[in-house]
Amino acid sequence: MLAINHVTLATAATFGASIYFDKPFFLPFIVFVTFSSLLPDVDHPGSEVSNYFPFVNKVFKHRGVTHSFLV
């Protein structure tokens, strides 16, 4: 999945949850959701995050611990 898809889906889900739970949709939370949505593919060599931080995909193997819900 591309970074834009991760961010779009996470933002839409957060927006929907904020309406459902009647909570404000504020900027710091949007930044947190955006960053967090990129973490599942942080270990992929072609991901946006690994382009900025190339050491990450050397530390973690793709589809490894970063794809676990337990993390």
C-alpha atoms as a PDB file:
ATOM      1  CA  MET A   1       0.000   0.000   0.000  1.00  0.00           C
ATOM      2  CA  LEU A   2       1.298   3.467  -0.822  1.00  0.00           C
ATOM      3  CA  ALA A   3       1.894   6.121   1.827  1.00  0.00           C
ATOM      4  CA  ILE A   4      -0.965   8.274   0.525  1.00  0.00           C
ATOM      5  CA  ASN A   5      -3.350   5.331   0.930  1.00  0.00           C
ATOM      6  CA  HIS A   6      -2.219   4.741   4.518  1.00  0.00           C
ATOM      7  CA  VAL A   7      -2.647   8.423   5.378  1.00  0.00           C
ATOM      8  CA  THR A   8      -6.005   8.771   3.617  1.00  0.00           C
ATOM      9  CA  LEU A   9      -7.513   5.692   5.238  1.00  0.00           C
ATOM     10  CA  ALA A  10      -6.231   6.599   8.709  1.00  0.00           C
ATOM     11  CA  THR A  11      -7.450  10.193   8.427  1.00  0.00           C
ATOM     12  CA  ALA A  12     -10.872   9.120   7.161  1.00  0.00           C
ATOM     13  CA  ALA A  13     -11.225   6.558   9.954  1.00  0.00           C
ATOM     14  CA  THR A  14     -10.170   9.136  12.545  1.00  0.00           C
ATOM     15  CA  PHE A  15     -12.582  11.703  11.142  1.00  0.00           C
ATOM     16  CA  GLY A  16     -15.403   9.156  11.219  1.00  0.00           C
ATOM     17  CA  ALA A  17     -14.551   8.162  14.784  1.00  0.00           C
ATOM     18  CA  SER A  18     -14.456  11.796  15.883  1.00  0.00           C
ATOM     19  CA  ILE A  19     -17.969  12.305  14.521  1.00  0.00           C
ATOM     20  CA  TYR A  20     -19.267   9.056  16.000  1.00  0.00           C
ATOM     21  CA  PHE A  21     -17.805   9.715  19.460  1.00  0.00           C
ATOM     22  CA  ASP A  22     -18.528  13.473  19.269  1.00  0.00           C
ATOM     23  CA  LYS A  23     -14.891  14.407  19.903  1.00  0.00           C
ATOM     24  CA  PRO A  24     -12.991  17.294  18.274  1.00  0.00           C
ATOM     25  CA  PHE A  25     -10.812  16.622  15.243  1.00  0.00           C
ATOM     26  CA  PHE A  26      -7.769  18.740  16.127  1.00  0.00           C
ATOM     27  CA  LEU A  27      -4.412  19.276  14.444  1.00  0.00           C
ATOM     28  CA  PRO A  28      -2.006  17.556  16.898  1.00  0.00           C
ATOM     29  CA  PHE A  29      -4.048  14.375  16.664  1.00  0.00           C
ATOM     30  CA  ILE A  30      -4.072  14.542  12.856  1.00  0.00           C
ATOM     31  CA  VAL A  31      -0.261  14.798  12.870  1.00  0.00           C
ATOM     32  CA  PHE A  32      -0.040  11.797  15.220  1.00  0.00           C
ATOM     33  CA  VAL A  33      -2.432   9.732  13.060  1.00  0.00           C
ATOM     34  CA  THR A  34      -0.562  10.661   9.884  1.00  0.00           C
ATOM     35  CA  PHE A  35       2.803   9.621  11.323  1.00  0.00           C
ATOM     36  CA  SER A  36       1.382   6.461  12.891  1.00  0.00           C
ATOM     37  CA  SER A  37      -0.283   5.407   9.651  1.00  0.00           C
ATOM     38  CA  LEU A  38       3.120   5.264   7.955  1.00  0.00           C
ATOM     39  CA  LEU A  39       4.653   2.927  10.537  1.00  0.00           C
ATOM     40  CA  PRO A  40       3.380  -0.430   9.171  1.00  0.00           C
ATOM     41  CA  ASP A  41       5.571  -0.079   6.070  1.00  0.00           C
ATOM     42  CA  VAL A  42       8.500   1.674   7.731  1.00  0.00           C
ATOM     43  CA  ASP A  43      10.621  -1.423   7.081  1.00  0.00           C
ATOM     44  CA  HIS A  44       9.885  -1.577   3.344  1.00  0.00           C
ATOM     45  CA  PRO A  45      12.839  -0.353   1.233  1.00  0.00           C
ATOM     46  CA  GLY A  46      10.573   1.786  -0.967  1.00  0.00           C
ATOM     47  CA  SER A  47       8.491   3.408   1.760  1.00  0.00           C
ATOM     48  CA  GLU A  48       8.348   7.155   2.347  1.00  0.00           C
ATOM     49  CA  VAL A  49       9.826   6.850   5.837  1.00  0.00           C
ATOM     50  CA  SER A  50      12.727   4.640   4.767  1.00  0.00           C
ATOM     51  CA  ASN A  51      13.560   7.177   2.053  1.00  0.00           C
ATOM     52  CA  TYR A  52      14.217   9.719   4.810  1.00  0.00           C
ATOM     53  CA  PHE A  53      15.651   7.235   7.323  1.00  0.00           C
ATOM     54  CA  PRO A  54      17.395   4.490   5.292  1.00  0.00           C
ATOM     55  CA  PHE A  55      18.828   2.769   8.372  1.00  0.00           C
ATOM     56  CA  VAL A  56      15.355   1.626   9.466  1.00  0.00           C
ATOM     57  CA  ASN A  57      14.902  -1.056   6.801  1.00  0.00           C
ATOM     58  CA  LYS A  58      18.313  -2.462   7.725  1.00  0.00           C
ATOM     59  CA  VAL A  59      17.232  -2.888  11.351  1.00  0.00           C
ATOM     60  CA  PHE A  60      13.767  -4.371  10.689  1.00  0.00           C
ATOM     61  CA  LYS A  61      12.888  -7.031   8.134  1.00  0.00           C
ATOM     62  CA  HIS A  62       9.863  -6.371   5.909  1.00  0.00           C
ATOM     63  CA  ARG A  63       6.615  -7.889   7.196  1.00  0.00           C
ATOM     64  CA  GLY A  64       8.272  -8.481  10.548  1.00  0.00           C
ATOM     65  CA  VAL A  65       7.542  -7.032  13.959  1.00  0.00           C
ATOM     66  CA  THR A  66       6.307  -3.709  12.549  1.00  0.00           C
ATOM     67  CA  HIS A  67       3.292  -5.498  11.046  1.00  0.00           C
ATOM     68  CA  SER A  68       2.168  -6.916  14.373  1.00  0.00           C
ATOM     69  CA  PHE A  69      -0.799  -5.528  16.306  1.00  0.00           C
ATOM     70  CA  LEU A  70       1.094  -6.427  19.473  1.00  0.00           C
ATOM     71  CA  VAL A  71       3.625  -3.637  18.942  1.00  0.00           C
END
